Amino acid sequence: TPETFACGVDIVGPSNLKTLLASVPPYWASFFEQLA
């Protein structure tokens, strides 16, 4: 929606949801089903 915003500031934001979910910390195992 680039027409809505004059500019943007992204801090530690994921750009690729596939690589994000493939690289979560191992101790998130108990939460992974919720993420999925």
All heavy atoms as atom14 arrays in JSON, in Angstrom:
{
  "sequence": "TPETFACGVDIVGPSNLKTLLASVPPYWASFFEQLA",
  "atom14_mask": [
    [1, 1, 1, 1, 1, 1, 1, 0, 0, 0, 0, 0, 0, 0],
    [1, 1, 1, 1, 1, 1, 1, 0, 0, 0, 0, 0, 0, 0],
    [1, 1, 1, 1, 1, 1, 1, 1, 1, 0, 0, 0, 0, 0],
    [1, 1, 1, 1, 1, 1, 1, 0, 0, 0, 0, 0, 0, 0],
    [1, 1, 1, 1, 1, 1, 1, 1, 1, 1, 1, 0, 0, 0],
    [1, 1, 1, 1, 1, 0, 0, 0, 0, 0, 0, 0, 0, 0],
    [1, 1, 1, 1, 1, 1, 0, 0, 0, 0, 0, 0, 0, 0],
    [1, 1, 1, 1, 0, 0, 0, 0, 0, 0, 0, 0, 0, 0],
    [1, 1, 1, 1, 1, 1, 1, 0, 0, 0, 0, 0, 0, 0],
    [1, 1, 1, 1, 1, 1, 1, 1, 0, 0, 0, 0, 0, 0],
    [1, 1, 1, 1, 1, 1, 1, 1, 0, 0, 0, 0, 0, 0],
    [1, 1, 1, 1, 1, 1, 1, 0, 0, 0, 0, 0, 0, 0],
    [1, 1, 1, 1, 0, 0, 0, 0, 0, 0, 0, 0, 0, 0],
    [1, 1, 1, 1, 1, 1, 1, 0, 0, 0, 0, 0, 0, 0],
    [1, 1, 1, 1, 1, 1, 0, 0, 0, 0, 0, 0, 0, 0],
    [1, 1, 1, 1, 1, 1, 1, 1, 0, 0, 0, 0, 0, 0],
    [1, 1, 1, 1, 1, 1, 1, 1, 0, 0, 0, 0, 0, 0],
    [1, 1, 1, 1, 1, 1, 1, 1, 1, 0, 0, 0, 0, 0],
    [1, 1, 1, 1, 1, 1, 1, 0, 0, 0, 0, 0, 0, 0],
    [1, 1, 1, 1, 1, 1, 1, 1, 0, 0, 0, 0, 0, 0],
    [1, 1, 1, 1, 1, 1, 1, 1, 0, 0, 0, 0, 0, 0],
    [1, 1, 1, 1, 1, 0, 0, 0, 0, 0, 0, 0, 0, 0],
    [1, 1, 1, 1, 1, 1, 0, 0, 0, 0, 0, 0, 0, 0],
    [1, 1, 1, 1, 1, 1, 1, 0, 0, 0, 0, 0, 0, 0],
    [1, 1, 1, 1, 1, 1, 1, 0, 0, 0, 0, 0, 0, 0],
    [1, 1, 1, 1, 1, 1, 1, 0, 0, 0, 0, 0, 0, 0],
    [1, 1, 1, 1, 1, 1, 1, 1, 1, 1, 1, 1, 0, 0],
    [1, 1, 1, 1, 1, 1, 1, 1, 1, 1, 1, 1, 1, 1],
    [1, 1, 1, 1, 1, 0, 0, 0, 0, 0, 0, 0, 0, 0],
    [1, 1, 1, 1, 1, 1, 0, 0, 0, 0, 0, 0, 0, 0],
    [1, 1, 1, 1, 1, 1, 1, 1, 1, 1, 1, 0, 0, 0],
    [1, 1, 1, 1, 1, 1, 1, 1, 1, 1, 1, 0, 0, 0],
    [1, 1, 1, 1, 1, 1, 1, 1, 1, 0, 0, 0, 0, 0],
    [1, 1, 1, 1, 1, 1, 1, 1, 1, 0, 0, 0, 0, 0],
    [1, 1, 1, 1, 1, 1, 1, 1, 0, 0, 0, 0, 0, 0],
    [1, 1, 1, 1, 1, 0, 0, 0, 0, 0, 0, 0, 0, 0]
  ],
  "atom14_positions": [
    [[0.86, -1.19, 0.0], [0.0, 0.0, 0.0], [0.89, 1.24, 0.0], [0.77, 2.11, 0.87], [-0.95, 0.0, 1.23], [-0.18, -0.09, 2.43], [-1.95, -1.14, 1.16], [0.0, 0.0, 0.0], [0.0, 0.0, 0.0], [0.0, 0.0, 0.0], [0.0, 0.0, 0.0], [0.0, 0.0, 0.0], [0.0, 0.0, 0.0], [0.0, 0.0, 0.0]],
    [[1.8, 1.34, -0.97], [2.77, 2.44, -0.96], [2.13, 3.81, -1.12], [2.72, 4.82, -0.72], [3.69, 2.12, -2.14], [2.86, 1.28, -3.05], [1.98, 0.46, -2.14], [0.0, 0.0, 0.0], [0.0, 0.0, 0.0], [0.0, 0.0, 0.0], [0.0, 0.0, 0.0], [0.0, 0.0, 0.0], [0.0, 0.0, 0.0], [0.0, 0.0, 0.0]],
    [[0.92, 3.84, -1.65], [0.24, 5.12, -1.81], [-0.2, 5.71, -0.48], [-0.46, 6.93, -0.38], [-0.98, 4.96, -2.73], [-2.14, 4.16, -2.15], [-1.93, 2.64, -2.12], [-0.93, 2.17, -2.72], [-2.77, 1.95, -1.52], [0.0, 0.0, 0.0], [0.0, 0.0, 0.0], [0.0, 0.0, 0.0], [0.0, 0.0, 0.0], [0.0, 0.0, 0.0]],
    [[-0.28, 4.91, 0.56], [-0.75, 5.38, 1.86], [0.34, 6.07, 2.67], [0.05, 6.96, 3.47], [-1.32, 4.2, 2.67], [-2.38, 3.59, 1.92], [-1.87, 4.65, 4.01], [0.0, 0.0, 0.0], [0.0, 0.0, 0.0], [0.0, 0.0, 0.0], [0.0, 0.0, 0.0], [0.0, 0.0, 0.0], [0.0, 0.0, 0.0], [0.0, 0.0, 0.0]],
    [[1.59, 5.67, 2.47], [2.66, 6.11, 3.36], [3.73, 6.89, 2.62], [4.21, 6.48, 1.55], [3.27, 4.9, 4.07], [2.26, 4.1, 4.85], [1.84, 2.86, 4.41], [1.69, 4.64, 6.0], [0.9, 2.13, 5.12], [0.73, 3.92, 6.71], [0.33, 2.67, 6.28], [0.0, 0.0, 0.0], [0.0, 0.0, 0.0], [0.0, 0.0, 0.0]],
    [[4.13, 7.99, 3.23], [5.17, 8.83, 2.64], [6.55, 8.23, 2.85], [7.48, 8.51, 2.07], [5.12, 10.24, 3.26], [0.0, 0.0, 0.0], [0.0, 0.0, 0.0], [0.0, 0.0, 0.0], [0.0, 0.0, 0.0], [0.0, 0.0, 0.0], [0.0, 0.0, 0.0], [0.0, 0.0, 0.0], [0.0, 0.0, 0.0], [0.0, 0.0, 0.0]],
    [[6.72, 7.4, 3.91], [7.99, 6.74, 4.18], [7.75, 5.72, 5.29], [6.68, 5.7, 5.9], [9.08, 7.74, 4.59], [8.64, 8.81, 5.98], [0.0, 0.0, 0.0], [0.0, 0.0, 0.0], [0.0, 0.0, 0.0], [0.0, 0.0, 0.0], [0.0, 0.0, 0.0], [0.0, 0.0, 0.0], [0.0, 0.0, 0.0], [0.0, 0.0, 0.0]],
    [[8.77, 4.89, 5.55], [8.62, 3.87, 6.56], [9.9, 3.6, 7.31], [11.0, 3.71, 6.74], [0.0, 0.0, 0.0], [0.0, 0.0, 0.0], [0.0, 0.0, 0.0], [0.0, 0.0, 0.0], [0.0, 0.0, 0.0], [0.0, 0.0, 0.0], [0.0, 0.0, 0.0], [0.0, 0.0, 0.0], [0.0, 0.0, 0.0], [0.0, 0.0, 0.0]],
    [[9.77, 3.22, 8.59], [10.91, 2.86, 9.43], [10.64, 1.47, 10.01], [9.74, 1.3, 10.84], [11.13, 3.88, 10.57], [12.33, 3.45, 11.43], [11.33, 5.28, 10.02], [0.0, 0.0, 0.0], [0.0, 0.0, 0.0], [0.0, 0.0, 0.0], [0.0, 0.0, 0.0], [0.0, 0.0, 0.0], [0.0, 0.0, 0.0], [0.0, 0.0, 0.0]],
    [[11.41, 0.5, 9.55], [11.26, -0.9, 9.97], [12.38, -1.26, 10.92], [13.56, -1.14, 10.59], [11.31, -1.8, 8.73], [11.81, -3.21, 9.04], [11.45, -3.75, 10.09], [12.58, -3.76, 8.21], [0.0, 0.0, 0.0], [0.0, 0.0, 0.0], [0.0, 0.0, 0.0], [0.0, 0.0, 0.0], [0.0, 0.0, 0.0], [0.0, 0.0, 0.0]],
    [[12.03, -1.74, 12.12], [12.99, -2.19, 13.11], [12.79, -3.69, 13.3], [11.71, -4.13, 13.71], [12.79, -1.46, 14.45], [12.71, 0.05, 14.25], [13.9, -1.81, 15.43], [12.09, 0.79, 15.41], [0.0, 0.0, 0.0], [0.0, 0.0, 0.0], [0.0, 0.0, 0.0], [0.0, 0.0, 0.0], [0.0, 0.0, 0.0], [0.0, 0.0, 0.0]],
    [[13.79, -4.48, 13.0], [13.8, -5.94, 13.15], [12.5, -6.58, 12.66], [11.92, -7.43, 13.32], [14.13, -6.36, 14.6], [15.52, -5.89, 14.99], [13.13, -5.82, 15.62], [0.0, 0.0, 0.0], [0.0, 0.0, 0.0], [0.0, 0.0, 0.0], [0.0, 0.0, 0.0], [0.0, 0.0, 0.0], [0.0, 0.0, 0.0], [0.0, 0.0, 0.0]],
    [[12.07, -6.19, 11.48], [10.84, -6.74, 10.91], [11.13, -7.87, 9.94], [12.08, -7.79, 9.15], [0.0, 0.0, 0.0], [0.0, 0.0, 0.0], [0.0, 0.0, 0.0], [0.0, 0.0, 0.0], [0.0, 0.0, 0.0], [0.0, 0.0, 0.0], [0.0, 0.0, 0.0], [0.0, 0.0, 0.0], [0.0, 0.0, 0.0], [0.0, 0.0, 0.0]],
    [[10.33, -8.95, 9.97], [10.53, -10.04, 9.01], [10.06, -9.64, 7.61], [9.0, -9.06, 7.44], [9.67, -11.17, 9.57], [8.63, -10.49, 10.41], [9.27, -9.25, 10.95], [0.0, 0.0, 0.0], [0.0, 0.0, 0.0], [0.0, 0.0, 0.0], [0.0, 0.0, 0.0], [0.0, 0.0, 0.0], [0.0, 0.0, 0.0], [0.0, 0.0, 0.0]],
    [[10.87, -9.99, 6.62], [10.52, -9.69, 5.24], [10.03, -10.92, 4.48], [9.39, -10.8, 3.45], [11.72, -9.1, 4.5], [12.77, -10.04, 4.38], [0.0, 0.0, 0.0], [0.0, 0.0, 0.0], [0.0, 0.0, 0.0], [0.0, 0.0, 0.0], [0.0, 0.0, 0.0], [0.0, 0.0, 0.0], [0.0, 0.0, 0.0], [0.0, 0.0, 0.0]],
    [[10.37, -12.11, 5.0], [10.04, -13.36, 4.31], [9.48, -14.31, 5.35], [10.2, -14.81, 6.22], [11.31, -13.93, 3.67], [11.06, -15.21, 2.89], [10.07, -15.91, 3.11], [11.97, -15.52, 1.98], [0.0, 0.0, 0.0], [0.0, 0.0, 0.0], [0.0, 0.0, 0.0], [0.0, 0.0, 0.0], [0.0, 0.0, 0.0], [0.0, 0.0, 0.0]],
    [[8.18, -14.56, 5.31], [7.55, -15.36, 6.35], [7.98, -16.82, 6.3], [7.94, -17.51, 7.33], [6.03, -15.24, 6.26], [5.46, -13.83, 6.48], [3.93, -13.87, 6.5], [6.0, -13.21, 7.76], [0.0, 0.0, 0.0], [0.0, 0.0, 0.0], [0.0, 0.0, 0.0], [0.0, 0.0, 0.0], [0.0, 0.0, 0.0], [0.0, 0.0, 0.0]],
    [[8.4, -17.29, 5.14], [8.89, -18.67, 5.08], [10.2, -18.82, 5.83], [10.37, -19.76, 6.63], [9.07, -19.1, 3.61], [7.77, -19.25, 2.84], [7.95, -20.03, 1.56], [8.9, -19.33, 0.61], [9.04, -20.07, -0.68], [0.0, 0.0, 0.0], [0.0, 0.0, 0.0], [0.0, 0.0, 0.0], [0.0, 0.0, 0.0], [0.0, 0.0, 0.0]],
    [[11.14, -17.93, 5.6], [12.41, -18.03, 6.32], [12.24, -17.66, 7.79], [12.97, -18.16, 8.64], [13.48, -17.14, 5.66], [13.01, -15.79, 5.57], [13.81, -17.65, 4.27], [0.0, 0.0, 0.0], [0.0, 0.0, 0.0], [0.0, 0.0, 0.0], [0.0, 0.0, 0.0], [0.0, 0.0, 0.0], [0.0, 0.0, 0.0], [0.0, 0.0, 0.0]],
    [[11.28, -16.8, 8.09], [11.01, -16.47, 9.49], [10.62, -17.72, 10.27], [11.21, -18.03, 11.32], [9.89, -15.43, 9.59], [9.41, -15.13, 11.01], [10.43, -14.32, 11.78], [8.06, -14.42, 11.0], [0.0, 0.0, 0.0], [0.0, 0.0, 0.0], [0.0, 0.0, 0.0], [0.0, 0.0, 0.0], [0.0, 0.0, 0.0], [0.0, 0.0, 0.0]],
    [[9.64, -18.46, 9.77], [9.17, -19.64, 10.49], [10.17, -20.78, 10.45], [10.15, -21.66, 11.32], [7.81, -20.09, 9.96], [6.61, -19.51, 10.74], [6.51, -18.01, 10.58], [5.32, -20.19, 10.33], [0.0, 0.0, 0.0], [0.0, 0.0, 0.0], [0.0, 0.0, 0.0], [0.0, 0.0, 0.0], [0.0, 0.0, 0.0], [0.0, 0.0, 0.0]],
    [[11.07, -20.76, 9.46], [12.08, -21.8, 9.38], [13.25, -21.56, 10.32], [14.09, -22.45, 10.51], [12.6, -21.91, 7.94], [0.0, 0.0, 0.0], [0.0, 0.0, 0.0], [0.0, 0.0, 0.0], [0.0, 0.0, 0.0], [0.0, 0.0, 0.0], [0.0, 0.0, 0.0], [0.0, 0.0, 0.0], [0.0, 0.0, 0.0], [0.0, 0.0, 0.0]],
    [[13.31, -20.37, 10.94], [14.48, -20.02, 11.74], [14.13, -19.55, 13.15], [14.93, -18.89, 13.79], [15.28, -18.93, 11.02], [14.5, -17.75, 10.86], [0.0, 0.0, 0.0], [0.0, 0.0, 0.0], [0.0, 0.0, 0.0], [0.0, 0.0, 0.0], [0.0, 0.0, 0.0], [0.0, 0.0, 0.0], [0.0, 0.0, 0.0], [0.0, 0.0, 0.0]],
    [[12.93, -19.89, 13.64], [12.57, -19.47, 14.99], [13.46, -20.2, 15.99], [13.98, -21.28, 15.72], [11.08, -19.73, 15.3], [10.19, -18.91, 14.39], [10.76, -21.21, 15.21], [0.0, 0.0, 0.0], [0.0, 0.0, 0.0], [0.0, 0.0, 0.0], [0.0, 0.0, 0.0], [0.0, 0.0, 0.0], [0.0, 0.0, 0.0], [0.0, 0.0, 0.0]],
    [[13.67, -19.63, 17.18], [14.52, -20.29, 18.17], [13.98, -21.67, 18.53], [12.76, -21.89, 18.55], [14.45, -19.35, 19.38], [14.03, -18.04, 18.83], [13.15, -18.34, 17.67], [0.0, 0.0, 0.0], [0.0, 0.0, 0.0], [0.0, 0.0, 0.0], [0.0, 0.0, 0.0], [0.0, 0.0, 0.0], [0.0, 0.0, 0.0], [0.0, 0.0, 0.0]],
    [[14.85, -22.62, 18.83], [14.36, -23.97, 19.15], [13.44, -24.01, 20.36], [12.54, -24.85, 20.43], [15.66, -24.75, 19.41], [16.72, -23.73, 19.64], [16.32, -22.54, 18.85], [0.0, 0.0, 0.0], [0.0, 0.0, 0.0], [0.0, 0.0, 0.0], [0.0, 0.0, 0.0], [0.0, 0.0, 0.0], [0.0, 0.0, 0.0], [0.0, 0.0, 0.0]],
    [[13.65, -23.08, 21.32], [12.81, -23.09, 22.53], [11.42, -22.53, 22.28], [10.63, -22.41, 23.21], [13.5, -22.37, 23.68], [14.12, -21.03, 23.34], [13.35, -19.88, 23.27], [15.47, -20.92, 23.08], [13.9, -18.65, 22.94], [16.05, -19.7, 22.76], [15.26, -18.57, 22.69], [15.81, -17.35, 22.37], [0.0, 0.0, 0.0], [0.0, 0.0, 0.0]],
    [[11.11, -22.18, 21.03], [9.74, -21.84, 20.67], [8.95, -23.08, 20.24], [7.83, -22.96, 19.73], [9.71, -20.82, 19.55], [9.98, -19.41, 20.0], [10.53, -19.0, 21.18], [9.72, -18.22, 19.27], [10.63, -17.64, 21.23], [10.14, -17.13, 20.07], [9.18, -17.95, 18.01], [10.03, -15.81, 19.65], [9.07, -16.64, 17.59], [9.49, -15.58, 18.4]],
    [[9.5, -24.27, 20.44], [8.84, -25.49, 19.98], [7.43, -25.62, 20.54], [6.5, -26.06, 19.83], [9.67, -26.71, 20.37], [0.0, 0.0, 0.0], [0.0, 0.0, 0.0], [0.0, 0.0, 0.0], [0.0, 0.0, 0.0], [0.0, 0.0, 0.0], [0.0, 0.0, 0.0], [0.0, 0.0, 0.0], [0.0, 0.0, 0.0], [0.0, 0.0, 0.0]],
    [[7.24, -25.24, 21.8], [5.92, -25.4, 22.41], [4.9, -24.45, 21.81], [3.69, -24.66, 21.97], [6.01, -25.16, 23.92], [6.38, -23.82, 24.21], [0.0, 0.0, 0.0], [0.0, 0.0, 0.0], [0.0, 0.0, 0.0], [0.0, 0.0, 0.0], [0.0, 0.0, 0.0], [0.0, 0.0, 0.0], [0.0, 0.0, 0.0], [0.0, 0.0, 0.0]],
    [[5.36, -23.41, 21.12], [4.45, -22.42, 20.54], [4.31, -22.57, 19.02], [3.52, -21.87, 18.41], [4.95, -21.02, 20.87], [3.99, -19.91, 20.54], [2.83, -19.74, 21.26], [4.24, -19.05, 19.48], [1.93, -18.72, 20.95], [3.36, -18.03, 19.16], [2.2, -17.87, 19.9], [0.0, 0.0, 0.0], [0.0, 0.0, 0.0], [0.0, 0.0, 0.0]],
    [[5.05, -23.5, 18.44], [5.1, -23.53, 16.97], [3.75, -23.82, 16.35], [3.41, -23.26, 15.29], [6.14, -24.54, 16.48], [6.37, -24.43, 15.0], [7.22, -23.46, 14.49], [5.73, -25.28, 14.1], [7.42, -23.31, 13.13], [5.91, -25.15, 12.74], [6.77, -24.17, 12.25], [0.0, 0.0, 0.0], [0.0, 0.0, 0.0], [0.0, 0.0, 0.0]],
    [[2.95, -24.69, 16.97], [1.63, -24.99, 16.37], [0.76, -23.74, 16.35], [-0.03, -23.54, 15.42], [0.95, -26.12, 17.14], [1.65, -27.45, 17.06], [1.85, -27.95, 15.63], [1.02, -27.62, 14.76], [2.83, -28.67, 15.4], [0.0, 0.0, 0.0], [0.0, 0.0, 0.0], [0.0, 0.0, 0.0], [0.0, 0.0, 0.0], [0.0, 0.0, 0.0]],
    [[0.88, -22.89, 17.37], [0.15, -21.63, 17.35], [0.65, -20.72, 16.23], [-0.15, -20.08, 15.55], [0.29, -20.94, 18.71], [-0.63, -21.46, 19.78], [-2.08, -21.04, 19.56], [-2.36, -19.88, 19.27], [-3.0, -21.98, 19.69], [0.0, 0.0, 0.0], [0.0, 0.0, 0.0], [0.0, 0.0, 0.0], [0.0, 0.0, 0.0], [0.0, 0.0, 0.0]],
    [[1.97, -20.66, 16.05], [2.51, -19.86, 14.95], [1.97, -20.33, 13.62], [1.53, -19.53, 12.78], [4.04, -19.95, 14.95], [4.83, -19.05, 15.89], [6.31, -19.4, 15.8], [4.62, -17.58, 15.53], [0.0, 0.0, 0.0], [0.0, 0.0, 0.0], [0.0, 0.0, 0.0], [0.0, 0.0, 0.0], [0.0, 0.0, 0.0], [0.0, 0.0, 0.0]],
    [[2.01, -21.63, 13.4], [1.55, -22.18, 12.13], [0.06, -21.91, 11.93], [-0.38, -21.59, 10.81], [1.82, -23.69, 12.1], [0.0, 0.0, 0.0], [0.0, 0.0, 0.0], [0.0, 0.0, 0.0], [0.0, 0.0, 0.0], [0.0, 0.0, 0.0], [0.0, 0.0, 0.0], [0.0, 0.0, 0.0], [0.0, 0.0, 0.0], [0.0, 0.0, 0.0]]
  ]
}
